[in-house]
Amino acid sequence: MLPSYQNSVDLLNNVANTKLYKELIIQLNKDVNLTGIDVGFSEDSSPFELKQTLQKVIKELILQDFNSYSNLLYRIDVSEKEIQNIESSDVDRYSENATFLILKRVWKKVWFKHQFSG
């Protein structure tokens, strides 16, 4: 069973201790690129760097291209209910929480794929 995580850094630090960290980055890149967002995350990124970069991308999308942001959430399959539950008066806090939901969902995809492919 997947453990629960407190935040993006907690999740990424835990995943970084597994062989699946690169898989998570590959899956994230795939989902982002399939949405038409021209960003690539380095497989050599530290968990903190990955979180910071993704959060910056999410914040920019929210402020400048909300349609692409919505498409990304749909592509990654982030629950609409979870997104609606984010307190949204502060764009930095909102983008931080959205980043966490995105990373949790991508990690779940990678984890399940790994569990059931062997």
N, C-alpha and C. Protein backbone atom coordinates (compact mmCIF):
# COMPACT_ATOMS: atom_id res chain seq x y z
N MET A 1 0.84 -1.19 0.00
CA MET A 1 0.00 0.00 0.00
C MET A 1 0.88 1.25 0.00
N LEU A 2 0.42 2.26 -0.70
CA LEU A 2 1.16 3.51 -0.77
C LEU A 2 1.10 4.24 0.57
N PRO A 3 2.25 4.70 1.06
CA PRO A 3 2.22 5.49 2.30
C PRO A 3 1.63 6.87 2.02
N SER A 4 1.22 7.57 3.05
CA SER A 4 0.75 8.94 2.84
C SER A 4 1.92 9.87 3.15
N TYR A 5 1.92 11.01 2.51
CA TYR A 5 3.02 11.96 2.64
C TYR A 5 2.47 13.29 3.12
N GLN A 6 3.33 14.05 3.80
CA GLN A 6 2.93 15.34 4.36
C GLN A 6 2.89 16.45 3.30
N ASN A 7 3.86 16.40 2.37
CA ASN A 7 3.97 17.45 1.35
C ASN A 7 4.85 16.95 0.21
N SER A 8 5.07 17.80 -0.78
CA SER A 8 5.84 17.41 -1.97
C SER A 8 7.25 16.95 -1.63
N VAL A 9 7.93 17.69 -0.76
CA VAL A 9 9.32 17.34 -0.43
C VAL A 9 9.38 16.00 0.30
N ASP A 10 8.44 15.78 1.20
CA ASP A 10 8.36 14.50 1.91
C ASP A 10 8.18 13.35 0.91
N LEU A 11 7.24 13.53 -0.01
CA LEU A 11 6.99 12.51 -1.03
C LEU A 11 8.25 12.26 -1.85
N LEU A 12 8.82 13.33 -2.38
CA LEU A 12 9.98 13.18 -3.28
C LEU A 12 11.20 12.62 -2.56
N ASN A 13 11.41 13.02 -1.32
CA ASN A 13 12.54 12.46 -0.56
C ASN A 13 12.37 10.97 -0.35
N ASN A 14 11.15 10.54 -0.09
CA ASN A 14 10.89 9.11 0.07
C ASN A 14 11.06 8.36 -1.25
N VAL A 15 10.55 8.94 -2.33
CA VAL A 15 10.67 8.30 -3.63
C VAL A 15 12.13 8.28 -4.09
N ALA A 16 12.88 9.33 -3.74
CA ALA A 16 14.30 9.40 -4.14
C ALA A 16 15.10 8.24 -3.55
N ASN A 17 14.60 7.69 -2.45
CA ASN A 17 15.28 6.54 -1.83
C ASN A 17 14.93 5.22 -2.50
N THR A 18 14.16 5.28 -3.57
CA THR A 18 13.81 4.07 -4.31
C THR A 18 14.39 4.16 -5.71
N LYS A 19 14.31 3.05 -6.43
CA LYS A 19 14.78 3.04 -7.82
C LYS A 19 13.78 3.74 -8.74
N LEU A 20 12.64 4.13 -8.20
CA LEU A 20 11.56 4.65 -9.03
C LEU A 20 11.57 6.17 -9.17
N TYR A 21 12.54 6.85 -8.56
CA TYR A 21 12.59 8.32 -8.64
C TYR A 21 12.70 8.79 -10.09
N LYS A 22 13.60 8.16 -10.85
CA LYS A 22 13.74 8.54 -12.26
C LYS A 22 12.46 8.23 -13.04
N GLU A 23 11.81 7.13 -12.69
CA GLU A 23 10.55 6.78 -13.33
C GLU A 23 9.50 7.86 -13.10
N LEU A 24 9.47 8.39 -11.87
CA LEU A 24 8.53 9.46 -11.55
C LEU A 24 8.80 10.68 -12.44
N ILE A 25 10.06 11.05 -12.59
CA ILE A 25 10.42 12.21 -13.42
C ILE A 25 10.08 11.94 -14.89
N ILE A 26 10.35 10.73 -15.36
CA ILE A 26 10.03 10.37 -16.75
C ILE A 26 8.52 10.47 -16.98
N GLN A 27 7.73 9.93 -16.04
CA GLN A 27 6.27 9.98 -16.16
C GLN A 27 5.77 11.43 -16.11
N LEU A 28 6.34 12.23 -15.22
CA LEU A 28 5.96 13.64 -15.12
C LEU A 28 6.25 14.36 -16.43
N ASN A 29 7.43 14.14 -16.98
CA ASN A 29 7.79 14.75 -18.27
C ASN A 29 6.81 14.33 -19.37
N LYS A 30 6.47 13.04 -19.37
CA LYS A 30 5.56 12.51 -20.38
C LYS A 30 4.20 13.20 -20.28
N ASP A 31 3.65 13.27 -19.07
CA ASP A 31 2.33 13.89 -18.87
C ASP A 31 2.36 15.38 -19.23
N VAL A 32 3.40 16.07 -18.82
CA VAL A 32 3.52 17.51 -19.11
C VAL A 32 3.63 17.73 -20.63
N ASN A 33 4.47 16.94 -21.27
CA ASN A 33 4.67 17.11 -22.72
C ASN A 33 3.44 16.72 -23.52
N LEU A 34 2.70 15.69 -23.09
CA LEU A 34 1.47 15.30 -23.77
C LEU A 34 0.39 16.37 -23.66
N THR A 35 0.54 17.24 -22.67
CA THR A 35 -0.40 18.35 -22.50
C THR A 35 0.01 19.53 -23.38
N GLY A 36 1.19 19.44 -23.98
CA GLY A 36 1.65 20.52 -24.85
C GLY A 36 2.41 21.61 -24.11
N ILE A 37 2.81 21.33 -22.90
CA ILE A 37 3.59 22.30 -22.11
C ILE A 37 5.06 22.00 -22.34
N ASP A 38 5.77 23.01 -22.80
CA ASP A 38 7.16 22.81 -23.21
C ASP A 38 8.11 22.99 -22.04
N VAL A 39 8.17 21.97 -21.19
CA VAL A 39 9.04 21.99 -20.01
C VAL A 39 9.62 20.60 -19.88
N GLY A 40 10.86 20.51 -19.47
CA GLY A 40 11.46 19.22 -19.19
C GLY A 40 12.10 19.23 -17.82
N PHE A 41 11.85 18.20 -17.05
CA PHE A 41 12.45 18.09 -15.72
C PHE A 41 13.63 17.14 -15.82
N SER A 42 14.77 17.56 -15.31
CA SER A 42 15.99 16.76 -15.38
C SER A 42 15.90 15.56 -14.46
N GLU A 43 16.33 14.41 -14.98
CA GLU A 43 16.35 13.20 -14.16
C GLU A 43 17.40 13.30 -13.06
N ASP A 44 18.27 14.31 -13.15
CA ASP A 44 19.29 14.50 -12.11
C ASP A 44 18.85 15.50 -11.04
N SER A 45 17.62 16.01 -11.16
CA SER A 45 17.12 16.98 -10.18
C SER A 45 17.05 16.36 -8.79
N SER A 46 17.43 17.15 -7.80
CA SER A 46 17.19 16.71 -6.43
C SER A 46 15.69 16.83 -6.17
N PRO A 47 15.19 16.13 -5.15
CA PRO A 47 13.77 16.27 -4.82
C PRO A 47 13.35 17.73 -4.64
N PHE A 48 14.18 18.50 -3.94
CA PHE A 48 13.84 19.91 -3.70
C PHE A 48 13.81 20.69 -5.01
N GLU A 49 14.80 20.47 -5.88
CA GLU A 49 14.83 21.17 -7.17
C GLU A 49 13.62 20.81 -8.03
N LEU A 50 13.27 19.54 -8.04
CA LEU A 50 12.13 19.09 -8.83
C LEU A 50 10.85 19.76 -8.34
N LYS A 51 10.66 19.77 -7.05
CA LYS A 51 9.47 20.39 -6.47
C LYS A 51 9.43 21.88 -6.79
N GLN A 52 10.56 22.56 -6.62
CA GLN A 52 10.61 24.01 -6.88
C GLN A 52 10.30 24.31 -8.34
N THR A 53 10.90 23.54 -9.25
CA THR A 53 10.70 23.77 -10.68
C THR A 53 9.25 23.51 -11.07
N LEU A 54 8.70 22.39 -10.61
CA LEU A 54 7.32 22.06 -10.93
C LEU A 54 6.37 23.12 -10.36
N GLN A 55 6.62 23.53 -9.14
CA GLN A 55 5.74 24.53 -8.51
C GLN A 55 5.78 25.85 -9.29
N LYS A 56 6.96 26.23 -9.76
CA LYS A 56 7.10 27.45 -10.55
C LYS A 56 6.31 27.33 -11.86
N VAL A 57 6.41 26.18 -12.52
CA VAL A 57 5.66 25.93 -13.76
C VAL A 57 4.16 26.01 -13.49
N ILE A 58 3.71 25.36 -12.42
CA ILE A 58 2.28 25.35 -12.07
C ILE A 58 1.79 26.77 -11.80
N LYS A 59 2.57 27.53 -11.05
CA LYS A 59 2.18 28.91 -10.73
C LYS A 59 2.06 29.74 -12.02
N GLU A 60 3.04 29.60 -12.91
CA GLU A 60 3.00 30.34 -14.18
C GLU A 60 1.78 29.95 -15.01
N LEU A 61 1.47 28.65 -15.04
CA LEU A 61 0.30 28.19 -15.78
C LEU A 61 -0.99 28.77 -15.19
N ILE A 62 -1.09 28.75 -13.86
CA ILE A 62 -2.29 29.27 -13.20
C ILE A 62 -2.48 30.75 -13.56
N LEU A 63 -1.39 31.49 -13.55
CA LEU A 63 -1.48 32.94 -13.79
C LEU A 63 -1.58 33.30 -15.26
N GLN A 64 -0.98 32.50 -16.15
CA GLN A 64 -0.87 32.92 -17.55
C GLN A 64 -1.59 32.01 -18.55
N ASP A 65 -1.82 30.76 -18.18
CA ASP A 65 -2.43 29.83 -19.14
C ASP A 65 -3.25 28.79 -18.38
N PHE A 66 -4.36 29.26 -17.81
CA PHE A 66 -5.16 28.40 -16.95
C PHE A 66 -5.71 27.18 -17.69
N ASN A 67 -5.96 27.37 -18.98
CA ASN A 67 -6.45 26.26 -19.79
C ASN A 67 -5.45 25.10 -19.82
N SER A 68 -4.18 25.41 -20.03
CA SER A 68 -3.14 24.36 -20.02
C SER A 68 -3.01 23.73 -18.64
N TYR A 69 -3.14 24.56 -17.61
CA TYR A 69 -3.11 24.03 -16.24
C TYR A 69 -4.24 23.01 -16.05
N SER A 70 -5.45 23.37 -16.48
CA SER A 70 -6.60 22.46 -16.36
C SER A 70 -6.36 21.19 -17.17
N ASN A 71 -5.83 21.34 -18.37
CA ASN A 71 -5.53 20.17 -19.20
C ASN A 71 -4.50 19.26 -18.54
N LEU A 72 -3.51 19.86 -17.90
CA LEU A 72 -2.49 19.07 -17.21
C LEU A 72 -3.11 18.26 -16.07
N LEU A 73 -3.97 18.90 -15.29
CA LEU A 73 -4.64 18.19 -14.19
C LEU A 73 -5.46 17.02 -14.74
N TYR A 74 -6.14 17.27 -15.85
CA TYR A 74 -6.94 16.22 -16.48
C TYR A 74 -6.06 15.08 -16.98
N ARG A 75 -4.97 15.42 -17.67
CA ARG A 75 -4.04 14.43 -18.22
C ARG A 75 -3.45 13.56 -17.10
N ILE A 76 -3.06 14.19 -16.01
CA ILE A 76 -2.44 13.46 -14.91
C ILE A 76 -3.50 12.72 -14.09
N ASP A 77 -4.75 13.16 -14.22
CA ASP A 77 -5.87 12.54 -13.53
C ASP A 77 -5.90 12.92 -12.05
N VAL A 78 -5.68 14.21 -11.78
CA VAL A 78 -5.81 14.72 -10.42
C VAL A 78 -7.29 14.93 -10.15
N SER A 79 -7.75 14.48 -9.01
CA SER A 79 -9.17 14.58 -8.65
C SER A 79 -9.63 16.04 -8.60
N GLU A 80 -10.72 16.31 -9.32
CA GLU A 80 -11.29 17.66 -9.32
C GLU A 80 -11.68 18.07 -7.91
N LYS A 81 -12.20 17.12 -7.16
CA LYS A 81 -12.62 17.39 -5.78
C LYS A 81 -11.43 17.85 -4.94
N GLU A 82 -10.29 17.16 -5.08
CA GLU A 82 -9.10 17.55 -4.31
C GLU A 82 -8.64 18.95 -4.70
N ILE A 83 -8.67 19.25 -5.99
CA ILE A 83 -8.26 20.58 -6.46
C ILE A 83 -9.20 21.64 -5.89
N GLN A 84 -10.50 21.36 -5.89
CA GLN A 84 -11.47 22.33 -5.38
C GLN A 84 -11.32 22.54 -3.88
N ASN A 85 -10.76 21.57 -3.19
CA ASN A 85 -10.58 21.69 -1.74
C ASN A 85 -9.36 22.53 -1.35
N ILE A 86 -8.54 22.91 -2.32
CA ILE A 86 -7.37 23.73 -2.00
C ILE A 86 -7.83 25.14 -1.68
N GLU A 87 -7.35 25.64 -0.56
CA GLU A 87 -7.63 27.03 -0.18
C GLU A 87 -6.89 27.92 -1.17
N SER A 88 -7.60 28.82 -1.84
CA SER A 88 -6.99 29.44 -3.02
C SER A 88 -6.83 30.96 -2.96
N SER A 89 -6.78 31.53 -1.78
CA SER A 89 -6.63 32.99 -1.73
C SER A 89 -5.19 33.44 -1.99
N ASP A 90 -4.24 32.55 -1.83
CA ASP A 90 -2.82 32.88 -2.02
C ASP A 90 -2.26 31.97 -3.12
N VAL A 91 -1.84 32.58 -4.24
CA VAL A 91 -1.43 31.78 -5.40
C VAL A 91 -0.20 30.91 -5.09
N ASP A 92 0.69 31.38 -4.23
CA ASP A 92 1.86 30.58 -3.87
C ASP A 92 1.46 29.33 -3.10
N ARG A 93 0.60 29.50 -2.14
CA ARG A 93 0.13 28.34 -1.36
C ARG A 93 -0.70 27.41 -2.24
N TYR A 94 -1.54 28.00 -3.08
CA TYR A 94 -2.37 27.20 -3.99
C TYR A 94 -1.47 26.36 -4.92
N SER A 95 -0.47 27.00 -5.53
CA SER A 95 0.40 26.27 -6.47
C SER A 95 1.22 25.21 -5.73
N GLU A 96 1.58 25.48 -4.49
CA GLU A 96 2.31 24.48 -3.70
C GLU A 96 1.42 23.26 -3.45
N ASN A 97 0.17 23.48 -3.10
CA ASN A 97 -0.75 22.36 -2.86
C ASN A 97 -1.09 21.62 -4.15
N ALA A 98 -1.27 22.36 -5.24
CA ALA A 98 -1.55 21.72 -6.53
C ALA A 98 -0.35 20.87 -6.96
N THR A 99 0.86 21.37 -6.73
CA THR A 99 2.08 20.63 -7.05
C THR A 99 2.10 19.30 -6.29
N PHE A 100 1.74 19.35 -5.03
CA PHE A 100 1.71 18.15 -4.20
C PHE A 100 0.70 17.14 -4.75
N LEU A 101 -0.50 17.60 -5.12
CA LEU A 101 -1.51 16.70 -5.68
C LEU A 101 -1.02 16.07 -6.99
N ILE A 102 -0.36 16.86 -7.81
CA ILE A 102 0.18 16.36 -9.09
C ILE A 102 1.24 15.30 -8.83
N LEU A 103 2.18 15.60 -7.93
CA LEU A 103 3.24 14.64 -7.62
C LEU A 103 2.68 13.36 -7.01
N LYS A 104 1.69 13.50 -6.13
CA LYS A 104 1.08 12.30 -5.53
C LYS A 104 0.46 11.42 -6.61
N ARG A 105 -0.23 12.03 -7.56
CA ARG A 105 -0.91 11.26 -8.61
C ARG A 105 0.09 10.61 -9.55
N VAL A 106 1.14 11.35 -9.93
CA VAL A 106 2.16 10.78 -10.82
C VAL A 106 2.87 9.63 -10.10
N TRP A 107 3.19 9.82 -8.83
CA TRP A 107 3.84 8.77 -8.05
C TRP A 107 2.95 7.54 -7.97
N LYS A 108 1.65 7.74 -7.78
CA LYS A 108 0.73 6.61 -7.70
C LYS A 108 0.75 5.81 -9.01
N LYS A 109 0.76 6.52 -10.14
CA LYS A 109 0.82 5.85 -11.45
C LYS A 109 2.08 5.00 -11.55
N VAL A 110 3.22 5.60 -11.21
CA VAL A 110 4.52 4.91 -11.32
C VAL A 110 4.55 3.71 -10.37
N TRP A 111 4.08 3.92 -9.15
CA TRP A 111 4.09 2.86 -8.14
C TRP A 111 3.24 1.68 -8.58
N PHE A 112 2.01 1.97 -9.05
CA PHE A 112 1.13 0.88 -9.51
C PHE A 112 1.71 0.15 -10.71
N LYS A 113 2.25 0.91 -11.64
CA LYS A 113 2.84 0.29 -12.83
C LYS A 113 3.97 -0.66 -12.42
N HIS A 114 4.77 -0.23 -11.46
CA HIS A 114 5.88 -1.04 -10.98
C HIS A 114 5.36 -2.27 -10.22
N GLN A 115 4.33 -2.09 -9.41
CA GLN A 115 3.78 -3.21 -8.61
C GLN A 115 3.21 -4.32 -9.48
N PHE A 116 2.58 -3.91 -10.59
CA PHE A 116 1.83 -4.88 -11.37
C PHE A 116 2.48 -5.24 -12.70
N SER A 117 3.73 -4.81 -12.88
CA SER A 117 4.42 -5.16 -14.13
C SER A 117 5.44 -6.27 -13.92
N GLY A 118 5.64 -6.69 -12.67
CA GLY A 118 6.67 -7.68 -12.41
C GLY A 118 6.16 -8.98 -12.07
